Protein backbone atom coordinates (compact mmCIF):
# COMPACT_ATOMS: atom_id res chain seq x y z
CA MET A 1 -0.08 -0.04 0.06
CA TRP A 2 2.92 2.49 0.74
CA LEU A 3 4.58 1.63 -2.48
CA LEU A 4 1.35 2.62 -4.30
CA VAL A 5 1.20 6.05 -2.31
CA LEU A 6 4.69 6.78 -2.91
CA ALA A 7 4.30 6.11 -6.62
CA TYR A 8 1.31 8.36 -6.85
CA LEU A 9 3.15 11.01 -4.88
CA GLY A 10 6.05 10.50 -7.42
CA GLY A 11 3.80 11.05 -10.27
CA VAL A 12 2.44 14.18 -8.70
CA LEU A 13 5.92 15.66 -8.50
CA THR A 14 7.07 14.63 -11.91
CA ILE A 15 5.27 17.94 -13.41
CA VAL A 16 8.51 19.95 -12.52
CA SER A 17 10.34 18.09 -15.41
CA PRO A 18 11.50 20.19 -18.27
CA CYS A 19 9.96 17.56 -20.68
CA ILE A 20 6.44 18.83 -20.06
CA LEU A 21 7.20 22.30 -20.64
CA PRO A 22 6.63 22.18 -24.46
CA VAL A 23 3.21 20.87 -24.40
CA LEU A 24 1.83 22.92 -21.18
CA PRO A 25 0.77 26.08 -23.56
CA PHE A 26 -1.64 23.86 -25.30
CA VAL A 27 -2.64 22.37 -21.92
CA PHE A 28 -3.44 25.89 -20.48
CA ALA A 29 -5.15 26.90 -23.75
CA ARG A 30 -8.11 24.67 -22.47
CA THR A 31 -8.28 26.39 -19.10
CA GLY A 32 -11.82 27.64 -18.68
CA GLN A 33 -13.48 24.88 -21.01
CA PRO A 34 -15.76 22.35 -19.77
CA PHE A 35 -13.84 19.58 -17.81
CA LEU A 36 -15.76 16.63 -19.23
CA ARG A 37 -15.34 17.66 -23.13
CA SER A 38 -11.81 19.05 -22.55
CA GLY A 39 -10.02 18.28 -19.50
CA LEU A 40 -10.84 14.79 -18.85
CA PRO A 41 -10.38 13.47 -22.33
CA LEU A 42 -6.70 15.08 -22.05
CA LEU A 43 -5.92 13.41 -18.71
CA ALA A 44 -7.34 10.09 -20.06
CA GLY A 45 -5.02 10.30 -23.06
CA MET A 46 -2.10 11.19 -21.02
CA ALA A 47 -2.37 8.51 -18.47
CA LEU A 48 -2.99 5.58 -21.24
CA THR A 49 -0.12 6.39 -23.22
CA PHE A 50 2.12 6.91 -20.32
CA ALA A 51 1.06 3.85 -18.85
CA LEU A 52 1.46 2.05 -22.17
CA VAL A 53 5.04 3.36 -22.87
CA ALA A 54 6.32 2.37 -19.31
CA SER A 55 4.34 -0.93 -19.44
CA LEU A 56 6.00 -1.89 -22.78
CA ALA A 57 9.69 -0.91 -21.02
CA ALA A 58 8.73 -3.05 -18.04
CA VAL A 59 7.55 -6.16 -20.04
CA GLY A 60 10.72 -5.93 -22.46
CA GLY A 61 12.87 -5.73 -19.31
CA GLY A 62 11.11 -8.54 -17.79
CA TRP A 63 11.53 -10.57 -20.96
CA VAL A 64 15.32 -10.00 -21.04
CA VAL A 65 15.78 -11.04 -17.68
CA GLN A 66 13.80 -14.43 -18.22
CA VAL A 67 16.07 -15.38 -21.24
CA ASN A 68 18.92 -16.92 -19.00
CA GLN A 69 21.23 -15.91 -16.26
CA TYR A 70 22.81 -13.39 -18.88
CA GLY A 71 19.73 -11.81 -19.41
CA ARG A 72 20.09 -10.38 -15.91
CA TRP A 73 23.11 -8.33 -17.07
CA LEU A 74 21.47 -6.97 -20.08
CA ALA A 75 18.78 -5.89 -17.82
CA LEU A 76 21.13 -4.21 -15.58
CA LEU A 77 22.91 -2.60 -18.58
CA PHE A 78 19.21 -1.13 -19.49
CA VAL A 79 18.75 -0.05 -15.97
CA ALA A 80 22.14 1.91 -15.96
CA LEU A 81 21.41 3.55 -19.18
CA PHE A 82 18.30 4.77 -17.60
CA ALA A 83 20.13 6.21 -14.60
CA LEU A 84 22.62 8.00 -16.84
CA THR A 85 19.62 9.68 -18.51
CA LEU A 86 18.71 11.23 -15.33
CA LEU A 87 22.27 12.40 -14.47
CA LEU A 88 22.92 13.69 -18.21
CA PRO A 89 20.10 15.56 -19.74
CA ARG A 90 21.78 15.94 -23.04
CA LEU A 91 21.99 12.22 -23.15
CA ALA A 92 18.27 11.77 -22.05
CA GLU A 93 17.46 14.49 -24.93
CA ARG A 94 19.28 12.19 -27.60
CA LEU A 95 17.54 9.02 -26.61
CA THR A 96 13.95 10.39 -26.34
CA ARG A 97 14.18 12.71 -29.37
CA PRO A 98 12.04 10.45 -31.47
CA LEU A 99 9.15 10.45 -28.89
CA VAL A 100 9.52 14.23 -28.07
CA ALA A 101 9.20 14.87 -31.71
CA ALA A 102 6.06 12.68 -32.17
CA GLY A 103 4.55 14.50 -29.27
CA GLY A 104 5.27 17.97 -30.29
CA ARG A 105 3.62 17.16 -33.72
CA LEU A 106 0.81 15.85 -32.04
CA SER A 107 0.72 18.87 -29.84
CA GLU A 108 0.79 21.17 -32.66
CA ALA A 109 -1.94 19.52 -34.46
CA ALA A 110 -4.43 19.36 -31.67
CA GLY A 111 -3.42 22.72 -30.20
CA ALA A 112 -4.42 24.57 -33.37
CA ASP A 113 -7.86 23.89 -32.48
CA THR A 114 -8.80 25.22 -29.11
CA ARG A 115 -12.44 24.52 -28.95
CA PRO A 116 -13.70 21.88 -26.45
CA ARG A 117 -13.63 19.01 -28.52
CA PRO A 118 -12.90 15.63 -26.83
CA GLY A 119 -10.95 14.32 -29.86
CA ALA A 120 -8.46 17.23 -29.73
CA SER A 121 -8.07 17.17 -25.99
CA LEU A 122 -7.47 13.32 -26.28
CA LEU A 123 -4.63 14.13 -28.83
CA ILE A 124 -3.25 16.80 -26.53
CA GLY A 125 -3.24 14.04 -23.59
CA VAL A 126 -1.38 11.45 -25.95
CA ALA A 127 1.08 14.07 -26.69
CA THR A 128 1.61 14.70 -23.02
CA GLY A 129 2.02 11.12 -22.26
CA LEU A 130 4.67 10.75 -25.15
CA LEU A 131 6.62 13.76 -23.97
CA TRP A 132 6.44 12.75 -20.26
CA ALA A 133 7.16 9.16 -20.06
CA PRO A 134 10.72 9.01 -21.22
CA CYS A 135 11.92 11.60 -18.66
CA ALA A 136 9.25 11.19 -16.11
CA GLY A 137 11.65 11.21 -13.25
CA PRO A 138 13.54 8.90 -10.91
CA ILE A 139 10.51 7.55 -9.33
CA LEU A 140 9.61 5.79 -12.73
CA GLY A 141 13.28 4.87 -13.17
CA LEU A 142 12.90 2.85 -9.91
CA LEU A 143 9.69 1.32 -11.11
CA LEU A 144 11.04 0.18 -14.19
CA THR A 145 14.30 -1.22 -12.33
CA GLY A 146 11.95 -3.27 -10.26
CA ALA A 147 10.17 -4.59 -13.48
CA ALA A 148 13.24 -5.19 -15.35
CA LEU A 149 14.88 -7.30 -12.66
CA GLN A 150 11.58 -8.92 -11.07
CA GLY A 151 9.62 -9.23 -14.14
CA ALA A 152 6.34 -7.39 -15.09
CA ASN A 153 3.47 -8.47 -12.83
CA ILE A 154 0.27 -7.11 -11.27
CA GLY A 155 2.19 -5.30 -8.44
CA THR A 156 4.23 -3.49 -11.17
CA THR A 157 1.02 -2.50 -13.30
CA LEU A 158 -0.46 -1.11 -10.18
CA LEU A 159 2.56 0.94 -9.17
CA LEU A 160 2.86 2.26 -12.88
CA LEU A 161 -0.87 3.15 -12.81
CA ALA A 162 -0.53 4.84 -9.45
CA TYR A 163 2.32 6.90 -10.96
CA ALA A 164 0.14 7.69 -13.99
CA ALA A 165 -2.43 8.89 -11.66
CA GLY A 166 -0.35 11.16 -9.80
CA ALA A 167 0.81 12.68 -13.08
CA ALA A 168 -2.61 13.18 -13.94
CA THR A 169 -3.59 14.86 -10.65
CA SER A 170 -0.75 17.44 -11.21
CA LEU A 171 -1.65 18.13 -14.59
CA ALA A 172 -5.23 18.65 -13.42
CA GLY A 173 -4.18 21.10 -10.97
CA ALA A 174 -2.30 22.76 -13.82
CA LEU A 175 -5.62 22.98 -15.73
CA LEU A 176 -7.52 24.67 -12.83
CA LEU A 177 -4.74 27.15 -11.86
CA GLY A 178 -3.19 27.86 -15.57
CA GLY A 179 -0.41 30.20 -16.20
CA LYS A 180 0.34 30.80 -12.42
CA VAL A 181 1.20 27.11 -12.25
CA PHE A 182 3.35 27.46 -15.26
CA ALA A 183 5.42 30.22 -13.97
CA ALA A 184 6.05 28.32 -10.56
CA MET A 185 7.23 25.50 -12.45
CA LYS A 186 9.83 27.25 -14.29
CA ARG A 187 11.24 28.49 -10.97
CA SER A 188 11.21 24.91 -9.48
CA ILE A 189 13.01 23.38 -12.40
CA GLY A 190 16.51 23.83 -11.01
CA ALA A 191 15.77 22.17 -7.97
CA GLY A 192 13.81 19.21 -9.73
CA GLU A 193 16.82 18.80 -11.93
CA TRP A 194 19.37 18.31 -8.99
CA LEU A 195 16.67 15.84 -7.30
CA ARG A 196 16.79 13.77 -10.54
CA ARG A 197 20.59 13.63 -10.79
CA GLY A 198 21.00 12.58 -7.19
CA LEU A 199 18.55 9.87 -7.71
CA GLY A 200 19.95 8.80 -10.97
CA ALA A 201 23.31 8.36 -8.85
CA LEU A 202 21.56 6.33 -6.42
CA MET A 203 20.05 4.18 -9.32
CA LEU A 204 23.69 3.67 -10.41
CA ALA A 205 24.63 2.64 -7.12
CA GLY A 206 21.92 0.05 -7.08
CA VAL A 207 23.02 -1.30 -10.27
CA VAL A 208 26.45 -1.94 -8.83
CA ALA A 209 25.17 -3.54 -5.58
CA ILE A 210 22.88 -5.82 -7.72
CA SER A 211 25.81 -7.03 -10.11
CA LEU A 212 27.73 -7.85 -6.82
CA GLY A 213 25.09 -10.14 -5.84
CA TRP A 214 23.88 -7.90 -2.64
CA ASP A 215 20.15 -7.82 -3.92
CA THR A 216 19.60 -11.51 -2.78
CA GLY A 217 18.94 -9.82 0.65
CA ILE A 218 21.88 -9.02 2.94
CA LEU A 219 19.71 -10.12 5.89
CA ALA A 220 18.92 -13.52 4.55
CA ARG A 221 22.67 -14.03 4.35
CA LEU A 222 24.00 -12.67 7.49
CA SER A 223 25.35 -15.38 9.75
CA THR A 224 23.41 -16.26 12.86
CA ALA A 225 26.43 -18.05 14.59
CA SER A 226 26.18 -15.26 16.92
CA THR A 227 22.49 -15.65 17.52
CA GLY A 228 22.57 -19.51 18.08
CA GLY A 229 21.49 -19.33 21.64
CA ILE A 230 18.57 -17.01 21.14
CA GLU A 231 17.50 -19.25 18.11
CA GLN A 232 17.44 -22.23 20.43
CA ALA A 233 15.30 -20.56 22.94
CA LEU A 234 12.88 -19.33 20.21
CA VAL A 235 12.63 -22.50 18.31
CA GLY A 236 10.13 -24.28 20.52
CA ARG A 237 8.03 -21.27 20.72
CA LEU A 238 8.08 -20.50 17.02
CA ALA A 239 8.02 -24.19 15.54
CA GLY A 240 4.41 -24.58 15.72
CA LYS A 241 3.88 -21.17 13.50
CA SER A 242 3.20 -21.46 9.89
CA ALA A 243 6.32 -21.03 7.83
CA ILE A 244 4.08 -19.20 5.12
CA SER A 245 3.74 -16.16 7.60
CA SER A 246 6.93 -16.60 9.68
CA GLY A 247 9.79 -13.94 9.19
CA ALA A 248 11.16 -14.00 12.64
CA MET A 249 14.45 -15.92 12.14
CA MET A 250 17.16 -15.70 9.42
CA ALA A 251 18.38 -18.18 7.03
CA GLN A 252 21.22 -20.58 8.13
CA ASP A 253 22.43 -23.96 7.35
CA SER A 254 24.52 -25.97 10.07
CA GLN A 255 23.69 -23.79 12.91
CA LEU A 256 20.05 -24.09 12.08
CA GLY A 257 20.34 -27.84 11.59
CA SER A 258 21.76 -28.41 15.11
CA SER A 259 19.15 -26.06 16.69
CA MET A 260 16.21 -27.78 14.86
CA MET A 261 17.21 -31.10 15.64
CA ALA A 262 17.92 -30.29 19.21
CA ALA A 263 14.06 -29.01 19.35
CA GLY A 264 12.79 -31.75 17.24
CA GLY A 265 10.12 -32.56 19.82
CA ALA A 266 8.48 -29.24 19.41
CA MET A 267 8.49 -29.83 15.55
CA LYS A 268 6.55 -33.02 15.86
CA MET A 269 2.80 -33.60 14.71
CA THR A 270 0.74 -36.54 13.80
CA ALA A 271 -0.23 -37.04 10.22
CA ALA A 272 -3.88 -37.61 11.40
CA THR A 273 -4.25 -33.79 12.51
CA LEU A 274 -2.06 -31.96 9.77
CA PRO A 275 -3.27 -28.43 9.75
CA ILE A 276 -3.92 -26.23 6.59
CA GLU A 277 -0.96 -23.54 6.71
CA GLY A 278 -1.89 -21.73 3.61
CA LYS A 279 -1.96 -22.18 -0.16
CA LEU A 280 1.02 -23.56 -2.22
CA PRO A 281 2.85 -20.18 -3.34
CA PRO A 282 3.72 -19.66 -6.97
CA LEU A 283 6.59 -20.92 -8.41
CA ASP A 284 6.88 -18.75 -11.36
CA GLY A 285 9.84 -16.56 -10.03
CA ALA A 286 12.59 -19.07 -11.03
CA VAL A 287 15.05 -17.91 -13.68
CA GLN A 288 15.20 -21.34 -15.17
CA TRP A 289 13.97 -24.90 -14.76
CA LEU A 290 16.32 -28.03 -14.87
CA ASN A 291 15.10 -31.41 -15.61
CA SER A 292 11.49 -30.27 -16.34
CA PRO A 293 9.72 -27.70 -18.11
CA PRO A 294 8.56 -24.73 -15.90
CA LEU A 295 5.78 -25.98 -13.29
CA SER A 296 3.23 -24.10 -11.70
CA ALA A 297 1.18 -24.26 -8.48
CA GLU A 298 -2.21 -24.48 -10.39
CA ALA A 299 -0.70 -27.14 -12.74
CA LEU A 300 0.23 -29.16 -9.67
CA LYS A 301 -2.96 -29.38 -8.29
CA GLY A 302 -4.14 -33.31 -8.08
CA LYS A 303 -0.49 -33.89 -7.03
CA VAL A 304 1.19 -34.30 -3.61
CA VAL A 305 4.12 -31.89 -3.82
CA LEU A 306 7.19 -31.78 -1.73
CA VAL A 307 9.23 -28.51 -2.30
CA ASP A 308 12.75 -28.45 -1.00
CA PHE A 309 14.86 -25.51 -0.74
CA TRP A 310 18.51 -26.18 -0.87
CA THR A 311 22.01 -24.93 -2.48
CA TYR A 312 24.53 -27.31 -3.45
CA SER A 313 27.27 -26.24 -1.30
CA CYS A 314 25.13 -26.41 1.98
CA ILE A 315 26.17 -29.20 3.88
CA ASN A 316 22.72 -29.68 5.70
CA CYS A 317 21.17 -29.69 2.36
CA LEU A 318 23.59 -32.52 1.15
CA ARG A 319 22.88 -34.50 4.19
CA THR A 320 19.12 -34.45 3.42
CA LEU A 321 19.42 -35.29 -0.33
CA PRO A 322 19.51 -39.22 0.17
CA TYR A 323 16.03 -38.90 1.80
CA VAL A 324 14.55 -36.62 -0.73
CA LYS A 325 15.82 -38.64 -3.56
CA ALA A 326 14.48 -41.73 -2.16
CA TRP A 327 11.15 -40.25 -1.54
CA ALA A 328 11.07 -39.08 -5.21
CA GLU A 329 11.78 -42.56 -6.51
CA LYS A 330 9.47 -44.36 -4.12
CA TYR A 331 6.30 -42.28 -4.44
CA ARG A 332 6.75 -40.85 -8.14
CA ASP A 333 4.23 -43.29 -9.50
CA GLN A 334 1.98 -42.90 -6.66
CA GLY A 335 1.38 -39.11 -7.10
CA LEU A 336 4.28 -37.46 -5.48
CA VAL A 337 6.23 -34.60 -7.30
CA VAL A 338 9.24 -33.46 -5.67
CA ILE A 339 10.66 -29.96 -6.63
CA GLY A 340 14.02 -28.75 -5.75
CA VAL A 341 14.25 -24.91 -5.40
CA HIS A 342 18.04 -24.14 -5.52
CA THR A 343 18.22 -20.66 -3.82
CA PRO A 344 21.99 -19.63 -3.92
CA GLU A 345 24.06 -18.73 -0.73
CA PHE A 346 27.35 -17.70 -2.59
CA ALA A 347 27.71 -15.86 -5.78
CA PHE A 348 29.29 -18.94 -7.63
CA GLU A 349 26.09 -20.91 -6.85
CA ARG A 350 24.16 -18.57 -9.28
CA ASP A 351 26.03 -20.17 -12.12
CA VAL A 352 23.39 -22.61 -13.75
CA GLY A 353 26.35 -24.61 -15.22
CA ASN A 354 27.72 -25.22 -11.57
CA VAL A 355 24.25 -26.27 -10.45
CA THR A 356 23.80 -28.55 -13.37
CA LYS A 357 27.07 -30.33 -12.78
CA ALA A 358 26.27 -30.63 -9.11
CA MET A 359 22.78 -32.34 -9.85
CA LYS A 360 24.50 -34.75 -12.22
CA ASP A 361 27.15 -35.66 -9.33
CA LEU A 362 24.54 -35.92 -6.82
CA GLY A 363 22.02 -37.84 -8.95
CA ILE A 364 19.16 -35.44 -8.92
CA ASN A 365 16.81 -36.21 -11.56
CA TYR A 366 13.64 -34.66 -10.38
CA PRO A 367 12.61 -30.92 -11.21
CA VAL A 368 14.74 -28.11 -10.06
CA ALA A 369 13.82 -24.53 -10.01
CA ILE A 370 16.74 -21.99 -10.32
CA ASP A 371 15.84 -19.37 -7.84
CA ASN A 372 18.65 -16.87 -8.39
CA ASP A 373 16.53 -13.76 -7.63
CA TYR A 374 15.07 -15.25 -4.44
CA LYS A 375 11.56 -15.02 -5.85
CA VAL A 376 10.26 -18.47 -4.79
CA TRP A 377 12.18 -18.07 -1.58
CA ARG A 378 10.43 -14.74 -0.62
CA ALA A 379 6.91 -16.13 -2.16
CA PHE A 380 7.18 -18.92 0.53
CA SER A 381 8.52 -16.43 3.27
CA ASN A 382 11.18 -19.00 3.63
CA GLN A 383 14.25 -18.65 5.94
CA TYR A 384 16.14 -21.66 5.90
CA TRP A 385 18.53 -24.32 4.05
CA PRO A 386 17.31 -26.87 3.97
CA ALA A 387 13.36 -26.23 4.08
CA HIS A 388 10.71 -28.88 3.10
CA TYR A 389 7.13 -27.94 2.55
CA PHE A 390 4.62 -30.48 1.91
CA ALA A 391 1.55 -29.62 -0.10
CA ASP A 392 -1.71 -31.85 -0.60
CA ALA A 393 -3.46 -32.43 -3.92
CA GLN A 394 -5.72 -29.34 -3.54
CA GLY A 395 -2.73 -27.14 -3.67
CA ARG A 396 -2.62 -26.33 0.24
CA ILE A 397 0.60 -26.38 2.46
CA ARG A 398 -0.01 -29.04 5.31
CA TYR A 399 3.28 -29.69 6.71
CA HIS A 400 6.81 -28.21 6.70
CA HIS A 401 9.95 -29.25 8.36
CA PHE A 402 13.35 -27.08 8.74
CA GLY A 403 16.90 -28.39 8.84
CA GLU A 404 18.05 -32.21 8.95
CA GLY A 405 16.02 -34.88 10.95
CA ASN A 406 12.38 -35.97 11.35
CA TYR A 407 12.62 -37.98 8.36
CA ALA A 408 10.31 -40.72 9.43
CA GLU A 409 7.71 -37.97 10.36
CA SER A 410 8.19 -36.42 6.91
CA GLU A 411 7.47 -39.82 4.92
CA ARG A 412 4.40 -40.53 6.95
CA VAL A 413 3.23 -37.21 6.16
CA ILE A 414 3.82 -37.89 2.43
CA GLN A 415 1.99 -41.21 2.72
CA GLN A 416 -0.99 -39.53 4.43
CA LEU A 417 -1.54 -36.72 1.68
CA LEU A 418 -1.19 -39.33 -1.02
CA ARG A 419 -3.90 -41.47 0.69
CA GLU A 420 -6.02 -38.34 1.15
CA ALA A 421 -5.61 -37.72 -2.60
CA GLY A 422 -6.95 -40.96 -3.50
CA ALA A 423 -3.97 -43.08 -4.39
CA ALA A 424 -4.96 -46.70 -4.91
CA GLN A 425 -1.88 -48.22 -3.22
CA VAL A 426 0.33 -46.16 -1.08
CA ALA A 427 3.72 -48.03 -0.36
CA GLY A 428 4.11 -48.69 3.28
CA GLY A 429 7.13 -48.77 5.36
CA LEU A 430 9.94 -46.30 5.76
CA ILE A 431 13.02 -45.87 3.64
CA ASP A 432 16.57 -46.59 4.81
CA ALA A 433 18.58 -44.16 3.16
CA LYS A 434 22.28 -45.31 2.57
CA ALA A 435 24.25 -42.17 2.92
CA GLN A 436 27.91 -42.04 2.29
CA GLY A 437 30.67 -39.33 2.25
CA VAL A 438 29.53 -35.80 3.02
CA GLN A 439 25.76 -37.00 2.84
CA LEU A 440 26.37 -39.10 5.93
CA ALA A 441 24.51 -37.71 8.79
CA ALA A 442 26.30 -35.61 11.36
CA ASP A 443 27.44 -36.69 14.81
CA MET A 444 25.32 -33.87 16.57
CA SER A 445 26.73 -34.91 19.99
CA GLU A 446 30.50 -34.22 19.02
CA ILE A 447 29.84 -30.80 17.15
CA ARG A 448 31.18 -28.04 19.06
CA SER A 449 32.29 -25.83 16.29
CA PRO A 450 30.08 -23.59 14.47
CA GLU A 451 29.77 -22.71 10.72
CA THR A 452 32.62 -20.35 10.04
CA TYR A 453 32.39 -17.68 7.07
CA LEU A 454 35.98 -16.46 5.85
CA GLY A 455 34.54 -13.45 4.09
CA TYR A 456 34.48 -10.16 6.23
CA GLN A 457 30.69 -9.82 5.75
CA ARG A 458 29.95 -12.63 8.29
CA LEU A 459 33.69 -13.21 9.68
CA GLU A 460 33.91 -14.36 13.25
CA HIS A 461 36.51 -15.97 15.59
CA PHE A 462 39.39 -14.73 13.26
CA VAL A 463 42.76 -14.12 15.19
CA PRO A 464 44.52 -11.71 15.39
CA ALA A 465 41.47 -9.64 14.54
CA ALA A 466 43.34 -6.49 14.33
CA SER A 467 45.37 -7.70 11.33
CA LEU A 468 42.22 -8.16 9.00
CA ALA A 469 42.38 -5.93 5.93
CA ARG A 470 39.15 -5.54 3.68
CA ASP A 471 39.36 -6.06 -0.05
CA ARG A 472 43.19 -5.68 -0.54
CA VAL A 473 46.10 -8.05 -0.55
CA THR A 474 47.87 -8.30 3.00
CA ALA A 475 50.55 -10.63 4.47
CA TYR A 476 49.04 -12.65 7.49
CA SER A 477 50.34 -14.74 10.04
CA PRO A 478 48.31 -17.50 11.89
CA PRO A 479 48.00 -18.04 15.64
CA THR A 480 50.53 -20.10 17.18
CA ASN A 481 48.29 -21.52 19.86
CA PRO A 482 44.62 -21.04 18.66
CA ALA A 483 41.84 -21.69 21.23
CA LEU A 484 38.70 -23.88 20.36
CA ASN A 485 36.98 -22.33 17.09
CA GLU A 486 39.68 -19.68 16.46
CA TRP A 487 41.35 -19.62 12.99
CA GLY A 488 43.79 -17.64 11.15
CA LEU A 489 45.62 -16.97 7.83
CA GLU A 490 49.22 -17.44 6.63
CA GLY A 491 50.52 -15.78 3.41
CA GLN A 492 49.32 -13.23 1.00
CA TRP A 493 45.29 -13.11 1.09
CA LYS A 494 42.57 -10.84 -0.08
CA VAL A 495 39.74 -11.03 2.18
CA GLY A 496 36.51 -10.01 0.41
CA ALA A 497 32.85 -9.95 1.46
CA GLU A 498 32.28 -13.75 0.77
CA GLN A 499 35.44 -15.32 0.48
CA ALA A 500 39.32 -15.20 1.14
CA THR A 501 41.45 -15.46 -1.78
CA LEU A 502 45.04 -16.63 -2.05
CA ALA A 503 47.20 -13.81 -3.81
CA ALA A 504 50.43 -15.77 -3.91
CA PRO A 505 51.57 -19.66 -3.59
CA ALA A 506 52.04 -21.24 -0.16
CA GLY A 507 49.19 -19.80 1.62
CA LYS A 508 47.56 -21.42 4.62
CA ILE A 509 44.55 -21.65 6.75
CA VAL A 510 44.68 -22.77 10.42
CA TYR A 511 41.48 -23.95 12.40
CA ARG A 512 41.03 -25.28 15.98
CA PHE A 513 38.00 -27.45 15.97
CA HIS A 514 35.91 -30.20 17.73
CA ALA A 515 33.68 -32.41 15.34
CA ARG A 516 33.98 -35.58 13.73
CA ASP A 517 33.92 -34.17 10.01
CA LEU A 518 35.34 -30.75 8.77
CA HIS A 519 34.29 -29.36 5.41
CA LEU A 520 35.32 -26.33 3.60
CA VAL A 521 33.78 -24.66 0.50
CA LEU A 522 36.49 -23.89 -1.91
CA GLY A 523 36.90 -22.87 -5.63
CA PRO A 524 39.93 -22.38 -8.07
CA GLY A 525 40.68 -19.06 -9.53
CA ALA A 526 38.85 -17.30 -12.41
CA ASP A 527 41.02 -19.34 -14.96
CA GLY A 528 39.59 -22.70 -13.58
CA LYS A 529 43.28 -24.16 -13.00
CA PRO A 530 43.38 -26.70 -10.26
CA VAL A 531 45.00 -25.72 -7.01
CA ARG A 532 46.90 -28.43 -4.78
CA PHE A 533 46.72 -28.51 -1.29
CA LYS A 534 48.06 -30.48 1.78
CA VAL A 535 46.06 -31.07 4.87
CA THR A 536 47.49 -31.74 8.33
CA LEU A 537 45.92 -32.45 11.73
CA ASP A 538 48.00 -31.14 14.76
CA GLY A 539 51.07 -30.94 12.36
CA GLN A 540 50.73 -34.57 11.09
CA ILE A 541 49.23 -36.24 8.15
CA PRO A 542 45.63 -37.33 8.63
CA GLY A 543 46.06 -40.87 7.80
CA ALA A 544 42.63 -42.50 8.63
CA ALA A 545 41.16 -39.20 9.53
CA HIS A 546 41.42 -38.13 5.85
CA GLY A 547 38.05 -36.88 4.37
CA THR A 548 36.67 -38.04 1.07
CA ASP A 549 38.46 -35.21 -0.89
CA VAL A 550 41.72 -35.86 0.73
CA ALA A 551 44.19 -38.59 0.29
CA PRO A 552 45.56 -40.54 3.65
CA ASP A 553 48.87 -38.30 3.02
CA GLY A 554 46.84 -35.14 3.10
CA THR A 555 47.17 -34.16 -0.46
CA GLY A 556 44.16 -33.02 -2.66
CA VAL A 557 43.17 -30.79 -5.42
CA VAL A 558 40.59 -27.97 -5.71
CA THR A 559 39.03 -28.41 -9.17
CA GLU A 560 35.62 -26.78 -8.94
CA GLN A 561 33.43 -24.52 -6.69
CA ARG A 562 31.92 -26.68 -4.28
CA LEU A 563 32.03 -28.06 -0.65
CA TYR A 564 35.28 -30.50 0.23
CA GLN A 565 35.12 -32.89 2.80
CA LEU A 566 38.73 -32.56 4.36
CA VAL A 567 38.47 -34.51 7.78
CA ARG A 568 36.38 -37.47 8.92
CA GLN A 569 37.63 -38.79 12.22
CA PRO A 570 37.14 -42.40 13.00
CA GLY A 571 36.48 -43.54 16.34
CA ASP A 572 36.59 -41.11 19.33
CA VAL A 573 36.46 -37.48 18.32
CA ALA A 574 38.86 -35.16 19.57
CA GLU A 575 39.94 -31.39 19.54
CA ARG A 576 42.25 -30.85 16.88
CA THR A 577 44.17 -28.17 15.02
CA PHE A 578 43.45 -28.21 11.44
CA SER A 579 45.89 -26.90 8.65
CA ILE A 580 45.38 -26.79 4.97
CA GLU A 581 48.30 -25.33 2.67
CA PHE A 582 47.86 -24.25 -0.70
CA LEU A 583 50.56 -24.91 -3.21
CA ASP A 584 49.08 -22.71 -5.94
CA PRO A 585 47.52 -19.17 -5.78
CA GLN A 586 44.02 -17.98 -6.64
CA VAL A 587 42.16 -20.18 -4.50
CA SER A 588 38.99 -19.03 -2.73
CA ALA A 589 37.78 -20.15 0.72
CA TYR A 590 34.29 -19.46 1.79
CA ALA A 591 33.06 -21.20 4.80
CA PHE A 592 34.03 -23.97 7.10
CA THR A 593 31.06 -26.44 8.03
CA PHE A 594 31.24 -29.59 10.52
CA GLY A 595 29.78 -32.82 11.00
């Protein structure tokens, strides 16, 4: 509602735009004439033409974005160009010359006849819309930015209509007050131009932010490692609330997984009393679909649907996949549709090629929606990786579960919903998922180390903290005797918002941890060249404690952007000092997770 009000007010204020001055003398020539036969047709013509031009830009921008992931960059170029027209009036004049010329010709043709004829007034309105639309000010630019990056929809249309209504209101005031308004407008043009330029600069800043991936929602990506205690206390109270309306807790993976499993009792409910939590939200916000043509909530009615929010470097998501895949296989012929919604956490997870390869490696053959713009995520009001939503055949959410665990309860919900849908024979029993490697369930009783990010945006427990330098190559020295969960760097590193990148060979990361498994999200440089590394535990080769991506002698290679399992301790779990030395430069390290 507030956006509509702001759009309306923005339309009212755009009367100070210089672009409208050429047509105003013809508008004022109609002051004093009957409003229904002169003023009203003029306003209608202006609003309709204005809305048409703006809507075409919105639809065109939305179409570009939907082509593929590169379309997003084309849309950003379009938005940047629009912002430059606000900053540079001469550029705006050149780009909009055809529209202005057409509007001028219509104005002259219609303005020659000052009699109160609806047709002439309508032409004046069309001319006004043509003149006004291309330079209607920063508010329209922001509306078109949203339309281009999020796609044309009912909300965008309403905002454009509200803007057009505001412009029509200011024009109606001009009709009533005549030449006095015209003179006042001339005096206000200077201030209006500075406002336009300032907001044009803000739009360019927005383009930069979006291109860097900040638009996925900083809040949704902030670490909750520091709020684990609060989360633990709130889980029991909030668990019974519908995920469709919940927005109280932020997204997290391993911290959330342990919290949710610790509060598993609060999450339980019997299949016989499954509530209705809301309608299955729309799925049309995905930028691309893999393993399937685009699916919609309407088309899925008659099917039981499991929606799994995941991302391929999330350890908790990986550990739930054996169950999700087994359910998809077991109940496919009985009416279950499993949909993976891949919503990225890190920038490299936006690359559809990376996701496609990960799906092949993981054996995922059910439909996956690429949710790079977080539209499906927001439609569900989701806050978690992983998150499972179960919908019945009538398109209603009946159950949800966040994090790992509760697999038996979730499968019984599937069976219940299939029976409600009229499936002739629903397979009984529960699956026994045979998970291996990184997908093996965590030993929660031994995890005393939290998920730890190496980028400064969510960095914690880095020592010495005073040595951290943002976004520039710096020489680091690791702590000699780190305490539990402390970590540090050695060598020439550049610490960015999401990751730490090694600038020269022979760099090292040291971490004091307590868990059975240690994982690290890693990626090679931009050239894709493999990066060799060597892992030690307490200064020794890992031997039997090596992870699936490390040989017993501690050697390994970073070949792609993904999660690497570097340590799996057999037998009793002890507190250890982990070290990984990279023999080649340009490797990027994103986050430690534990199991």
